[in-house]
N, C-alpha and C. Protein backbone atom coordinates (compact mmCIF):
# COMPACT_ATOMS: atom_id res chain seq x y z
N MET A 1 -29.81 -6.06 -15.39
CA MET A 1 -29.33 -6.61 -14.11
C MET A 1 -29.49 -8.12 -14.12
N PRO A 2 -28.46 -8.89 -13.68
CA PRO A 2 -28.58 -10.35 -13.67
C PRO A 2 -29.74 -10.80 -12.81
N PRO A 3 -30.44 -11.84 -13.22
CA PRO A 3 -31.60 -12.32 -12.46
C PRO A 3 -31.24 -12.70 -11.04
N HIS A 4 -32.23 -12.64 -10.16
CA HIS A 4 -32.02 -13.02 -8.77
C HIS A 4 -31.80 -14.52 -8.67
N ARG A 5 -30.82 -14.91 -7.86
CA ARG A 5 -30.51 -16.33 -7.71
C ARG A 5 -30.89 -16.79 -6.31
N SER A 6 -31.24 -18.06 -6.20
CA SER A 6 -31.59 -18.62 -4.90
C SER A 6 -30.31 -18.97 -4.15
N ASN A 7 -30.46 -19.29 -2.88
CA ASN A 7 -29.33 -19.64 -2.04
C ASN A 7 -29.24 -21.14 -1.80
N ASP A 8 -29.75 -21.92 -2.76
CA ASP A 8 -29.77 -23.37 -2.59
C ASP A 8 -28.41 -24.01 -2.83
N VAL A 9 -27.43 -23.22 -3.20
CA VAL A 9 -26.12 -23.79 -3.51
C VAL A 9 -25.07 -23.30 -2.52
N ASP A 10 -25.50 -23.06 -1.27
CA ASP A 10 -24.56 -22.57 -0.26
C ASP A 10 -23.43 -23.56 -0.01
N GLN A 11 -23.69 -24.86 -0.26
CA GLN A 11 -22.64 -25.84 -0.05
C GLN A 11 -21.52 -25.67 -1.06
N GLN A 12 -21.75 -24.93 -2.14
CA GLN A 12 -20.73 -24.69 -3.15
C GLN A 12 -20.03 -23.34 -2.93
N THR A 13 -20.41 -22.64 -1.89
CA THR A 13 -19.84 -21.32 -1.64
C THR A 13 -18.47 -21.46 -0.98
N GLN A 14 -17.52 -20.70 -1.50
CA GLN A 14 -16.18 -20.67 -0.93
C GLN A 14 -15.82 -19.24 -0.56
N HIS A 15 -15.08 -19.10 0.51
CA HIS A 15 -14.63 -17.79 0.96
C HIS A 15 -13.16 -17.62 0.62
N LYS A 16 -12.84 -16.46 0.11
CA LYS A 16 -11.46 -16.21 -0.32
C LYS A 16 -11.06 -14.82 0.17
N THR A 17 -9.86 -14.73 0.75
CA THR A 17 -9.34 -13.45 1.24
C THR A 17 -8.12 -13.05 0.41
N ALA A 18 -8.06 -11.79 0.05
CA ALA A 18 -6.94 -11.28 -0.73
C ALA A 18 -6.54 -9.92 -0.16
N HIS A 19 -5.43 -9.40 -0.65
CA HIS A 19 -4.92 -8.10 -0.23
C HIS A 19 -4.78 -7.20 -1.44
N PRO A 20 -4.91 -5.89 -1.26
CA PRO A 20 -4.82 -4.97 -2.39
C PRO A 20 -3.57 -5.21 -3.22
N GLY A 21 -3.78 -5.26 -4.55
CA GLY A 21 -2.67 -5.49 -5.47
C GLY A 21 -2.48 -6.93 -5.87
N ASP A 22 -3.14 -7.87 -5.17
CA ASP A 22 -3.01 -9.29 -5.50
C ASP A 22 -3.70 -9.62 -6.81
N THR A 23 -3.28 -10.75 -7.40
CA THR A 23 -4.00 -11.36 -8.52
C THR A 23 -4.71 -12.59 -7.98
N VAL A 24 -6.01 -12.64 -8.19
CA VAL A 24 -6.84 -13.69 -7.59
C VAL A 24 -7.48 -14.53 -8.69
N THR A 25 -7.48 -15.83 -8.49
CA THR A 25 -8.15 -16.75 -9.41
C THR A 25 -9.33 -17.40 -8.70
N LEU A 26 -10.52 -17.23 -9.26
CA LEU A 26 -11.73 -17.86 -8.75
C LEU A 26 -11.99 -19.09 -9.60
N SER A 27 -11.80 -20.26 -9.02
CA SER A 27 -11.89 -21.50 -9.79
C SER A 27 -13.34 -21.90 -10.02
N CYS A 28 -13.59 -22.41 -11.23
CA CYS A 28 -14.93 -22.90 -11.59
C CYS A 28 -14.78 -23.98 -12.65
N GLN A 29 -15.36 -25.13 -12.38
CA GLN A 29 -15.25 -26.27 -13.28
C GLN A 29 -16.63 -26.76 -13.68
N ALA A 30 -16.90 -26.71 -14.99
CA ALA A 30 -18.19 -27.18 -15.50
C ALA A 30 -18.18 -28.71 -15.56
N PRO A 31 -19.34 -29.33 -15.30
CA PRO A 31 -19.39 -30.80 -15.32
C PRO A 31 -19.27 -31.38 -16.73
N LYS A 32 -19.53 -30.56 -17.74
CA LYS A 32 -19.43 -31.03 -19.12
C LYS A 32 -18.48 -30.11 -19.89
N PRO A 33 -17.68 -30.66 -20.82
CA PRO A 33 -16.68 -29.86 -21.52
C PRO A 33 -17.23 -29.03 -22.68
N SER A 34 -18.45 -29.31 -23.13
CA SER A 34 -19.01 -28.60 -24.29
C SER A 34 -19.65 -27.29 -23.81
N ILE A 35 -18.84 -26.23 -23.76
CA ILE A 35 -19.29 -24.95 -23.21
C ILE A 35 -19.56 -23.96 -24.35
N ALA A 36 -20.77 -23.42 -24.35
CA ALA A 36 -21.11 -22.40 -25.34
C ALA A 36 -20.83 -21.00 -24.81
N ALA A 37 -21.08 -20.80 -23.52
CA ALA A 37 -20.88 -19.47 -22.93
C ALA A 37 -20.64 -19.61 -21.44
N VAL A 38 -19.93 -18.63 -20.88
CA VAL A 38 -19.68 -18.58 -19.45
C VAL A 38 -20.01 -17.18 -18.96
N GLU A 39 -20.54 -17.12 -17.75
CA GLU A 39 -20.95 -15.84 -17.17
C GLU A 39 -20.49 -15.77 -15.72
N TRP A 40 -19.77 -14.69 -15.39
CA TRP A 40 -19.42 -14.39 -14.01
C TRP A 40 -20.14 -13.12 -13.60
N THR A 41 -20.87 -13.18 -12.50
CA THR A 41 -21.61 -12.02 -12.01
C THR A 41 -21.26 -11.76 -10.55
N ARG A 42 -21.62 -10.56 -10.10
CA ARG A 42 -21.51 -10.21 -8.67
C ARG A 42 -22.90 -9.76 -8.24
N THR A 43 -23.38 -10.32 -7.16
CA THR A 43 -24.79 -10.14 -6.80
C THR A 43 -25.18 -8.70 -6.50
N ASP A 44 -24.21 -7.85 -6.17
CA ASP A 44 -24.55 -6.46 -5.84
C ASP A 44 -24.34 -5.50 -7.01
N LEU A 45 -24.06 -6.05 -8.19
CA LEU A 45 -23.84 -5.22 -9.38
C LEU A 45 -24.92 -5.48 -10.42
N GLU A 46 -25.25 -4.45 -11.17
CA GLU A 46 -26.26 -4.58 -12.22
C GLU A 46 -25.67 -5.20 -13.49
N LYS A 47 -24.40 -4.96 -13.75
CA LYS A 47 -23.77 -5.47 -14.97
C LYS A 47 -22.88 -6.67 -14.65
N TYR A 48 -22.45 -7.32 -15.70
CA TYR A 48 -21.66 -8.52 -15.55
C TYR A 48 -20.21 -8.20 -15.20
N VAL A 49 -19.61 -9.14 -14.48
CA VAL A 49 -18.17 -9.07 -14.23
C VAL A 49 -17.43 -9.56 -15.48
N TYR A 50 -17.92 -10.66 -16.05
CA TYR A 50 -17.29 -11.22 -17.26
C TYR A 50 -18.31 -12.09 -18.00
N PHE A 51 -18.29 -11.99 -19.33
CA PHE A 51 -19.17 -12.83 -20.15
C PHE A 51 -18.40 -13.20 -21.41
N GLN A 52 -18.42 -14.49 -21.73
CA GLN A 52 -17.74 -14.95 -22.95
C GLN A 52 -18.60 -15.97 -23.65
N ARG A 53 -18.79 -15.75 -24.95
CA ARG A 53 -19.50 -16.71 -25.79
C ARG A 53 -18.51 -17.26 -26.79
N GLY A 54 -18.35 -18.56 -26.77
CA GLY A 54 -17.32 -19.16 -27.62
C GLY A 54 -15.95 -18.73 -27.10
N ARG A 55 -15.15 -18.18 -27.99
CA ARG A 55 -13.83 -17.68 -27.58
C ARG A 55 -13.78 -16.16 -27.56
N ARG A 56 -14.93 -15.55 -27.61
CA ARG A 56 -14.99 -14.09 -27.72
C ARG A 56 -15.58 -13.47 -26.46
N PRO A 57 -14.78 -12.72 -25.69
CA PRO A 57 -15.34 -12.00 -24.54
C PRO A 57 -16.23 -10.86 -25.02
N LEU A 58 -17.36 -10.66 -24.35
CA LEU A 58 -18.27 -9.58 -24.70
C LEU A 58 -18.23 -8.53 -23.59
N THR A 59 -17.98 -7.29 -23.98
CA THR A 59 -17.80 -6.23 -22.99
C THR A 59 -18.92 -5.19 -23.01
N GLN A 60 -19.92 -5.40 -23.83
CA GLN A 60 -21.00 -4.41 -23.97
C GLN A 60 -21.68 -4.13 -22.64
N ASP A 61 -21.99 -5.17 -21.89
CA ASP A 61 -22.69 -5.02 -20.61
C ASP A 61 -21.79 -5.31 -19.42
N GLN A 62 -20.49 -5.20 -19.62
CA GLN A 62 -19.55 -5.46 -18.53
C GLN A 62 -19.45 -4.24 -17.62
N ASP A 63 -19.38 -4.49 -16.34
CA ASP A 63 -19.20 -3.39 -15.39
C ASP A 63 -17.86 -2.71 -15.65
N PRO A 64 -17.83 -1.37 -15.76
CA PRO A 64 -16.59 -0.66 -16.09
C PRO A 64 -15.45 -0.93 -15.11
N HIS A 65 -15.80 -1.26 -13.88
CA HIS A 65 -14.79 -1.51 -12.86
C HIS A 65 -13.89 -2.69 -13.22
N TYR A 66 -14.40 -3.60 -14.07
CA TYR A 66 -13.66 -4.83 -14.38
C TYR A 66 -13.06 -4.84 -15.78
N VAL A 67 -13.24 -3.79 -16.53
CA VAL A 67 -12.69 -3.74 -17.89
C VAL A 67 -11.17 -3.84 -17.84
N ASP A 68 -10.62 -4.76 -18.63
CA ASP A 68 -9.16 -4.99 -18.74
C ASP A 68 -8.54 -5.50 -17.44
N ARG A 69 -9.38 -5.99 -16.51
CA ARG A 69 -8.84 -6.51 -15.26
C ARG A 69 -9.22 -7.96 -15.01
N VAL A 70 -10.10 -8.51 -15.84
CA VAL A 70 -10.52 -9.90 -15.66
C VAL A 70 -10.35 -10.67 -16.97
N GLU A 71 -10.07 -11.96 -16.82
CA GLU A 71 -9.95 -12.84 -17.99
C GLU A 71 -10.11 -14.28 -17.51
N LEU A 72 -10.44 -15.16 -18.44
CA LEU A 72 -10.52 -16.57 -18.09
C LEU A 72 -9.12 -17.15 -17.95
N HIS A 73 -8.97 -17.99 -16.97
CA HIS A 73 -7.68 -18.66 -16.78
C HIS A 73 -7.36 -19.51 -18.01
N ASN A 74 -8.40 -20.08 -18.60
CA ASN A 74 -8.26 -20.86 -19.84
C ASN A 74 -9.23 -20.27 -20.87
N PRO A 75 -8.78 -19.32 -21.70
CA PRO A 75 -9.69 -18.63 -22.62
C PRO A 75 -10.45 -19.57 -23.55
N GLU A 76 -9.90 -20.75 -23.82
CA GLU A 76 -10.58 -21.70 -24.71
C GLU A 76 -11.56 -22.60 -23.96
N MET A 77 -11.61 -22.44 -22.64
CA MET A 77 -12.52 -23.20 -21.79
C MET A 77 -12.37 -24.70 -21.98
N LYS A 78 -11.14 -25.14 -22.17
CA LYS A 78 -10.88 -26.56 -22.39
C LYS A 78 -11.24 -27.37 -21.14
N ASN A 79 -11.82 -28.51 -21.38
CA ASN A 79 -12.20 -29.45 -20.31
C ASN A 79 -13.13 -28.81 -19.28
N GLY A 80 -13.86 -27.78 -19.70
CA GLY A 80 -14.85 -27.16 -18.80
C GLY A 80 -14.25 -26.22 -17.77
N ASP A 81 -13.00 -25.78 -17.99
CA ASP A 81 -12.35 -24.87 -17.04
C ASP A 81 -12.87 -23.45 -17.28
N LEU A 82 -13.63 -22.93 -16.30
CA LEU A 82 -14.23 -21.60 -16.41
C LEU A 82 -13.67 -20.64 -15.35
N SER A 83 -12.51 -20.96 -14.81
CA SER A 83 -11.91 -20.16 -13.74
C SER A 83 -11.63 -18.74 -14.21
N LEU A 84 -11.88 -17.79 -13.32
CA LEU A 84 -11.73 -16.37 -13.62
C LEU A 84 -10.53 -15.80 -12.89
N THR A 85 -9.69 -15.04 -13.60
CA THR A 85 -8.55 -14.37 -13.00
C THR A 85 -8.84 -12.89 -12.88
N LEU A 86 -8.69 -12.37 -11.68
CA LEU A 86 -8.95 -10.95 -11.40
C LEU A 86 -7.62 -10.31 -10.99
N LYS A 87 -7.22 -9.29 -11.74
CA LYS A 87 -5.91 -8.67 -11.53
C LYS A 87 -6.01 -7.42 -10.64
N THR A 88 -4.95 -7.18 -9.90
CA THR A 88 -4.78 -5.97 -9.09
C THR A 88 -6.05 -5.67 -8.30
N VAL A 89 -6.39 -6.54 -7.40
CA VAL A 89 -7.64 -6.37 -6.65
C VAL A 89 -7.53 -5.20 -5.68
N ASN A 90 -8.68 -4.65 -5.34
CA ASN A 90 -8.77 -3.59 -4.34
C ASN A 90 -10.02 -3.81 -3.52
N SER A 91 -10.24 -2.95 -2.54
CA SER A 91 -11.36 -3.14 -1.62
C SER A 91 -12.71 -3.12 -2.32
N ASN A 92 -12.80 -2.45 -3.47
CA ASN A 92 -14.06 -2.40 -4.21
C ASN A 92 -14.40 -3.72 -4.89
N ASP A 93 -13.46 -4.66 -4.89
CA ASP A 93 -13.72 -5.97 -5.50
C ASP A 93 -14.36 -6.96 -4.53
N SER A 94 -14.49 -6.57 -3.28
CA SER A 94 -15.11 -7.47 -2.31
C SER A 94 -16.57 -7.71 -2.67
N GLY A 95 -17.01 -8.96 -2.59
CA GLY A 95 -18.40 -9.26 -2.91
C GLY A 95 -18.61 -10.74 -3.17
N ARG A 96 -19.81 -11.07 -3.58
CA ARG A 96 -20.22 -12.46 -3.85
C ARG A 96 -20.23 -12.69 -5.36
N TYR A 97 -19.36 -13.56 -5.83
CA TYR A 97 -19.22 -13.85 -7.26
C TYR A 97 -19.85 -15.20 -7.59
N GLU A 98 -20.54 -15.25 -8.72
CA GLU A 98 -21.22 -16.48 -9.14
C GLU A 98 -20.81 -16.86 -10.55
N CYS A 99 -20.57 -18.15 -10.75
CA CYS A 99 -20.15 -18.68 -12.05
C CYS A 99 -21.27 -19.53 -12.65
N ARG A 100 -21.61 -19.24 -13.91
CA ARG A 100 -22.63 -20.01 -14.64
C ARG A 100 -22.11 -20.32 -16.04
N TYR A 101 -22.71 -21.30 -16.63
CA TYR A 101 -22.31 -21.64 -18.01
C TYR A 101 -23.51 -22.11 -18.80
N LYS A 102 -23.32 -22.18 -20.11
CA LYS A 102 -24.38 -22.64 -21.01
C LYS A 102 -23.75 -23.65 -21.98
N GLU A 103 -24.42 -24.77 -22.16
CA GLU A 103 -23.92 -25.79 -23.08
C GLU A 103 -24.25 -25.43 -24.52
N PHE A 104 -23.55 -26.09 -25.45
CA PHE A 104 -23.85 -25.91 -26.86
C PHE A 104 -25.24 -26.47 -27.16
N GLN A 105 -25.98 -25.75 -28.02
CA GLN A 105 -27.30 -26.19 -28.45
C GLN A 105 -27.34 -26.22 -29.97
N SER A 106 -28.29 -26.97 -30.48
CA SER A 106 -28.40 -27.08 -31.94
C SER A 106 -28.80 -25.75 -32.57
N LYS A 107 -29.63 -24.97 -31.87
CA LYS A 107 -30.04 -23.66 -32.36
C LYS A 107 -29.24 -22.59 -31.63
N ARG A 108 -28.46 -21.87 -32.40
CA ARG A 108 -27.63 -20.82 -31.81
C ARG A 108 -28.40 -19.51 -31.78
N ARG A 109 -28.42 -18.88 -30.62
CA ARG A 109 -29.12 -17.61 -30.47
C ARG A 109 -28.13 -16.52 -30.07
N LYS A 110 -28.59 -15.31 -30.21
CA LYS A 110 -27.76 -14.20 -29.79
C LYS A 110 -27.60 -14.22 -28.28
N ARG A 111 -26.68 -13.41 -27.79
CA ARG A 111 -26.36 -13.39 -26.37
C ARG A 111 -27.61 -13.15 -25.53
N ALA A 112 -27.76 -13.95 -24.51
CA ALA A 112 -28.85 -13.79 -23.56
C ALA A 112 -28.33 -14.19 -22.20
N ALA A 113 -29.03 -13.74 -21.15
CA ALA A 113 -28.59 -14.07 -19.81
C ALA A 113 -28.68 -15.57 -19.59
N ILE A 114 -27.73 -16.10 -18.83
CA ILE A 114 -27.73 -17.52 -18.48
C ILE A 114 -28.51 -17.65 -17.18
N ASN A 115 -29.67 -18.29 -17.27
CA ASN A 115 -30.60 -18.27 -16.14
C ASN A 115 -30.48 -19.47 -15.21
N ASN A 116 -29.60 -20.43 -15.52
CA ASN A 116 -29.49 -21.57 -14.63
C ASN A 116 -28.76 -21.21 -13.35
N GLU A 117 -28.84 -22.08 -12.37
CA GLU A 117 -28.22 -21.82 -11.07
C GLU A 117 -26.70 -21.82 -11.20
N PRO A 118 -26.03 -21.05 -10.35
CA PRO A 118 -24.56 -21.03 -10.42
C PRO A 118 -23.97 -22.37 -10.00
N ILE A 119 -22.85 -22.72 -10.63
CA ILE A 119 -22.19 -23.96 -10.27
C ILE A 119 -21.06 -23.71 -9.26
N ARG A 120 -20.72 -22.46 -9.06
CA ARG A 120 -19.70 -22.12 -8.07
C ARG A 120 -19.93 -20.69 -7.58
N ILE A 121 -19.80 -20.49 -6.28
CA ILE A 121 -19.97 -19.16 -5.67
C ILE A 121 -18.74 -18.86 -4.83
N PHE A 122 -18.24 -17.65 -4.99
CA PHE A 122 -17.11 -17.20 -4.19
C PHE A 122 -17.51 -15.93 -3.44
N VAL A 123 -17.16 -15.86 -2.17
CA VAL A 123 -17.29 -14.63 -1.41
C VAL A 123 -15.87 -14.10 -1.22
N LEU A 124 -15.57 -13.05 -1.96
CA LEU A 124 -14.22 -12.47 -1.95
C LEU A 124 -14.16 -11.31 -0.97
N ASN A 125 -13.17 -11.35 -0.11
CA ASN A 125 -12.94 -10.26 0.84
C ASN A 125 -11.54 -9.72 0.62
N VAL A 126 -11.44 -8.48 0.15
CA VAL A 126 -10.15 -7.83 -0.05
C VAL A 126 -9.83 -7.04 1.20
N ASN A 127 -8.87 -7.53 1.96
CA ASN A 127 -8.53 -6.97 3.26
C ASN A 127 -7.45 -5.92 3.11
N ASP A 128 -7.71 -4.71 3.64
CA ASP A 128 -6.73 -3.63 3.56
C ASP A 128 -5.56 -3.84 4.49
N GLU A 129 -5.70 -4.76 5.48
CA GLU A 129 -4.60 -5.03 6.40
C GLU A 129 -3.48 -5.72 5.64
N THR A 130 -2.23 -5.42 6.01
CA THR A 130 -1.09 -6.08 5.38
C THR A 130 -1.05 -7.53 5.83
N PRO A 131 -0.48 -8.43 5.00
CA PRO A 131 -0.43 -9.84 5.39
C PRO A 131 0.30 -10.03 6.71
N GLY A 132 -0.19 -10.99 7.50
CA GLY A 132 0.46 -11.26 8.79
C GLY A 132 -0.57 -11.26 9.90
N ASN A 133 -0.11 -11.26 11.09
CA ASN A 133 -0.97 -11.31 12.26
C ASN A 133 -1.58 -9.94 12.51
N THR A 134 -2.90 -9.86 12.42
CA THR A 134 -3.56 -8.58 12.60
C THR A 134 -3.40 -8.06 14.03
N GLU A 135 -3.49 -8.98 15.01
CA GLU A 135 -3.35 -8.56 16.41
C GLU A 135 -1.96 -8.00 16.66
N SER A 136 -0.93 -8.63 16.07
CA SER A 136 0.43 -8.13 16.23
C SER A 136 0.56 -6.75 15.65
N GLY A 137 -0.11 -6.55 14.50
CA GLY A 137 -0.05 -5.23 13.88
C GLY A 137 -0.68 -4.18 14.76
N LYS A 138 -1.77 -4.55 15.47
CA LYS A 138 -2.42 -3.59 16.36
C LYS A 138 -1.51 -3.24 17.53
N HIS A 139 -0.82 -4.28 18.07
CA HIS A 139 0.08 -4.03 19.18
C HIS A 139 1.23 -3.13 18.75
N MET A 140 1.77 -3.39 17.56
CA MET A 140 2.87 -2.57 17.07
C MET A 140 2.42 -1.14 16.89
N HIS A 141 1.20 -0.97 16.38
CA HIS A 141 0.68 0.39 16.20
C HIS A 141 0.59 1.11 17.54
N GLY A 142 0.16 0.39 18.59
CA GLY A 142 0.08 1.00 19.90
C GLY A 142 1.46 1.36 20.45
N HIS A 143 2.43 0.49 20.18
CA HIS A 143 3.78 0.79 20.64
C HIS A 143 4.34 2.02 19.94
N TYR A 144 4.07 2.14 18.64
CA TYR A 144 4.53 3.32 17.91
C TYR A 144 3.94 4.60 18.51
N GLY A 145 2.70 4.51 18.97
CA GLY A 145 2.06 5.69 19.55
C GLY A 145 2.74 6.15 20.82
N ILE A 146 3.44 5.24 21.49
CA ILE A 146 4.17 5.61 22.71
C ILE A 146 5.60 6.02 22.38
N ILE A 147 6.23 5.27 21.49
CA ILE A 147 7.64 5.48 21.18
C ILE A 147 7.89 6.82 20.51
N ILE A 148 7.04 7.18 19.56
CA ILE A 148 7.27 8.40 18.78
C ILE A 148 7.29 9.65 19.67
N PRO A 149 6.30 9.86 20.57
CA PRO A 149 6.38 11.04 21.46
C PRO A 149 7.62 11.02 22.35
N LEU A 150 7.99 9.84 22.88
CA LEU A 150 9.18 9.76 23.72
C LEU A 150 10.43 10.11 22.93
N LEU A 151 10.49 9.65 21.71
CA LEU A 151 11.64 9.95 20.86
C LEU A 151 11.73 11.45 20.58
N ALA A 152 10.57 12.07 20.36
CA ALA A 152 10.56 13.52 20.13
C ALA A 152 11.06 14.28 21.35
N LEU A 153 10.62 13.86 22.54
CA LEU A 153 11.08 14.51 23.78
C LEU A 153 12.58 14.33 23.97
N LEU A 154 13.08 13.12 23.64
CA LEU A 154 14.51 12.87 23.78
C LEU A 154 15.32 13.77 22.86
N ILE A 155 14.85 13.94 21.63
CA ILE A 155 15.56 14.80 20.68
C ILE A 155 15.59 16.24 21.18
N VAL A 156 14.44 16.73 21.68
CA VAL A 156 14.38 18.10 22.21
C VAL A 156 15.35 18.25 23.39
N GLY A 157 15.41 17.25 24.27
CA GLY A 157 16.31 17.32 25.41
C GLY A 157 17.77 17.36 24.99
N VAL A 158 18.14 16.52 24.03
CA VAL A 158 19.52 16.51 23.54
C VAL A 158 19.89 17.84 22.93
N VAL A 159 18.99 18.40 22.12
CA VAL A 159 19.26 19.70 21.49
C VAL A 159 19.44 20.77 22.57
N GLY A 160 18.62 20.73 23.63
CA GLY A 160 18.74 21.72 24.70
C GLY A 160 20.08 21.61 25.42
N VAL A 161 20.52 20.38 25.74
CA VAL A 161 21.80 20.19 26.43
C VAL A 161 22.96 20.68 25.57
N VAL A 162 22.94 20.33 24.30
CA VAL A 162 24.00 20.78 23.40
C VAL A 162 24.04 22.29 23.32
N GLY A 163 22.87 22.92 23.28
CA GLY A 163 22.82 24.38 23.23
C GLY A 163 23.43 25.01 24.47
N VAL A 164 23.14 24.46 25.65
CA VAL A 164 23.69 24.99 26.90
C VAL A 164 25.21 24.85 26.91
N VAL A 165 25.72 23.68 26.50
CA VAL A 165 27.17 23.46 26.47
C VAL A 165 27.85 24.45 25.54
N VAL A 166 27.29 24.67 24.37
CA VAL A 166 27.88 25.59 23.41
C VAL A 166 27.90 27.01 23.97
N LEU A 167 26.81 27.42 24.61
CA LEU A 167 26.75 28.76 25.18
C LEU A 167 27.78 28.94 26.29
N ARG A 168 27.94 27.91 27.13
CA ARG A 168 28.92 28.00 28.22
C ARG A 168 30.34 28.11 27.68
N LYS A 169 30.63 27.34 26.65
CA LYS A 169 31.97 27.40 26.07
C LYS A 169 32.22 28.77 25.45
N ALA A 170 31.22 29.30 24.80
CA ALA A 170 31.37 30.62 24.18
C ALA A 170 31.59 31.69 25.24
N LYS A 171 30.85 31.60 26.35
CA LYS A 171 30.98 32.57 27.44
C LYS A 171 32.36 32.47 28.10
N GLY A 172 32.85 31.23 28.31
CA GLY A 172 34.17 31.04 28.89
C GLY A 172 35.27 31.58 28.00
N HIS A 173 35.09 31.42 26.70
CA HIS A 173 36.08 31.93 25.77
C HIS A 173 36.15 33.45 25.83
N LEU A 174 35.02 34.11 25.96
CA LEU A 174 35.00 35.57 26.07
C LEU A 174 35.67 36.03 27.36
N ASN A 175 35.41 35.30 28.48
CA ASN A 175 36.01 35.66 29.75
C ASN A 175 37.53 35.52 29.72
N ASP A 176 38.04 34.47 29.06
CA ASP A 176 39.48 34.28 28.95
C ASP A 176 40.13 35.42 28.20
N ASN A 177 39.50 35.88 27.16
CA ASN A 177 40.05 36.97 26.37
C ASN A 177 40.07 38.27 27.17
N SER A 178 39.06 38.49 28.04
CA SER A 178 39.00 39.73 28.80
C SER A 178 40.05 39.78 29.91
N ASP A 179 40.54 38.60 30.41
CA ASP A 179 41.54 38.55 31.48
C ASP A 179 42.96 38.73 30.99
N ARG A 180 43.20 38.65 29.71
CA ARG A 180 44.56 38.78 29.19
C ARG A 180 45.02 40.24 29.24
N PRO A 181 46.31 40.54 29.66
CA PRO A 181 46.81 41.93 29.71
C PRO A 181 46.97 42.50 28.31
N VAL A 182 46.71 43.77 28.22
CA VAL A 182 46.86 44.46 26.94
C VAL A 182 48.28 44.97 26.84
N VAL A 183 49.01 44.53 25.89
CA VAL A 183 50.41 44.92 25.70
C VAL A 183 50.47 46.10 24.74
N LYS A 184 50.95 47.20 25.21
CA LYS A 184 51.10 48.38 24.37
C LYS A 184 52.56 48.51 24.01
N THR A 185 52.91 48.18 22.84
CA THR A 185 54.29 48.13 22.38
C THR A 185 54.96 49.48 22.46
N GLY A 186 54.25 50.52 22.12
CA GLY A 186 54.85 51.86 22.11
C GLY A 186 55.27 52.29 23.50
N LEU A 187 54.47 52.03 24.52
CA LEU A 187 54.77 52.44 25.89
C LEU A 187 55.94 51.68 26.46
N LEU A 188 56.09 50.40 26.10
CA LEU A 188 57.19 49.60 26.60
C LEU A 188 58.52 50.03 25.99
N GLN A 189 58.49 50.48 24.80
CA GLN A 189 59.72 50.88 24.14
C GLN A 189 60.24 52.21 24.63
N LYS A 190 59.37 53.10 25.10
CA LYS A 190 59.80 54.43 25.51
C LYS A 190 60.78 54.40 26.68
N PRO A 191 60.61 53.66 27.77
CA PRO A 191 61.60 53.58 28.84
C PRO A 191 62.95 53.09 28.34
N GLN A 192 62.98 52.11 27.46
CA GLN A 192 64.22 51.58 26.93
C GLN A 192 64.97 52.64 26.15
N GLU A 193 64.23 53.40 25.35
CA GLU A 193 64.86 54.48 24.59
C GLU A 193 65.44 55.52 25.53
N LYS A 194 64.73 55.79 26.65
CA LYS A 194 65.21 56.79 27.61
C LYS A 194 66.51 56.35 28.25
N GLU A 195 66.64 55.07 28.60
CA GLU A 195 67.85 54.54 29.20
C GLU A 195 69.01 54.66 28.24
N ASN A 196 68.80 54.39 26.96
CA ASN A 196 69.86 54.48 25.95
C ASN A 196 70.37 55.91 25.84
N ILE A 197 69.51 56.88 25.90
CA ILE A 197 69.91 58.29 25.78
C ILE A 197 70.74 58.70 26.97
N GLU A 198 70.33 58.22 28.20
CA GLU A 198 71.10 58.56 29.40
C GLU A 198 72.49 57.98 29.35
N GLU A 199 72.65 56.76 28.82
CA GLU A 199 73.96 56.14 28.70
C GLU A 199 74.84 56.94 27.76
N ILE A 200 74.32 57.43 26.69
CA ILE A 200 75.08 58.20 25.71
C ILE A 200 75.55 59.50 26.34
N ILE A 201 74.76 60.19 27.14
CA ILE A 201 75.10 61.44 27.76
C ILE A 201 76.24 61.22 28.76
N GLN A 202 76.13 60.11 29.53
CA GLN A 202 77.16 59.83 30.53
C GLN A 202 78.49 59.57 29.89
N VAL A 203 78.57 58.98 28.78
CA VAL A 203 79.83 58.72 28.08
C VAL A 203 80.42 60.03 27.58
């Protein structure tokens, strides 16, 4: 676990807000360009967010949450640029990030924790709210809660009216058919045939 750090560098603390899916860059500039190693930590995590010695990132003690999601903005750390890029952020990335570095020394040692004070601190807040005015979003949400039930009632009412109209038309159509006279062709022809026979007899 990274050593406990004091809060004597609050004047270097910056607050940054992001939204899920964003790519965030946490800027950090070393006062000297001769950088042997850089370390990014998060105060609530036991493992490192990012550690690089020379040009080689070390992932042995990296927190799994950040594997393949973080990298230096300038991998060669030219001119002391130690800025960290964090890809596809989510709510679990919220926290206090600290940047430290180690200068080149005549005696090179294996990887060890960088115990000096951080030169830059970021408090990252990943907000689940969509970008824009939060109050407006709350008002819109309240309006939706009223509009949706009213819309549902309107749809039910329209369906009911249409159903009544269809039933009335169907009933009227049945009544019209029942009022029509039934024409029996055979019965109408019989009187005519009778008249023809009487005419023939009279002749």
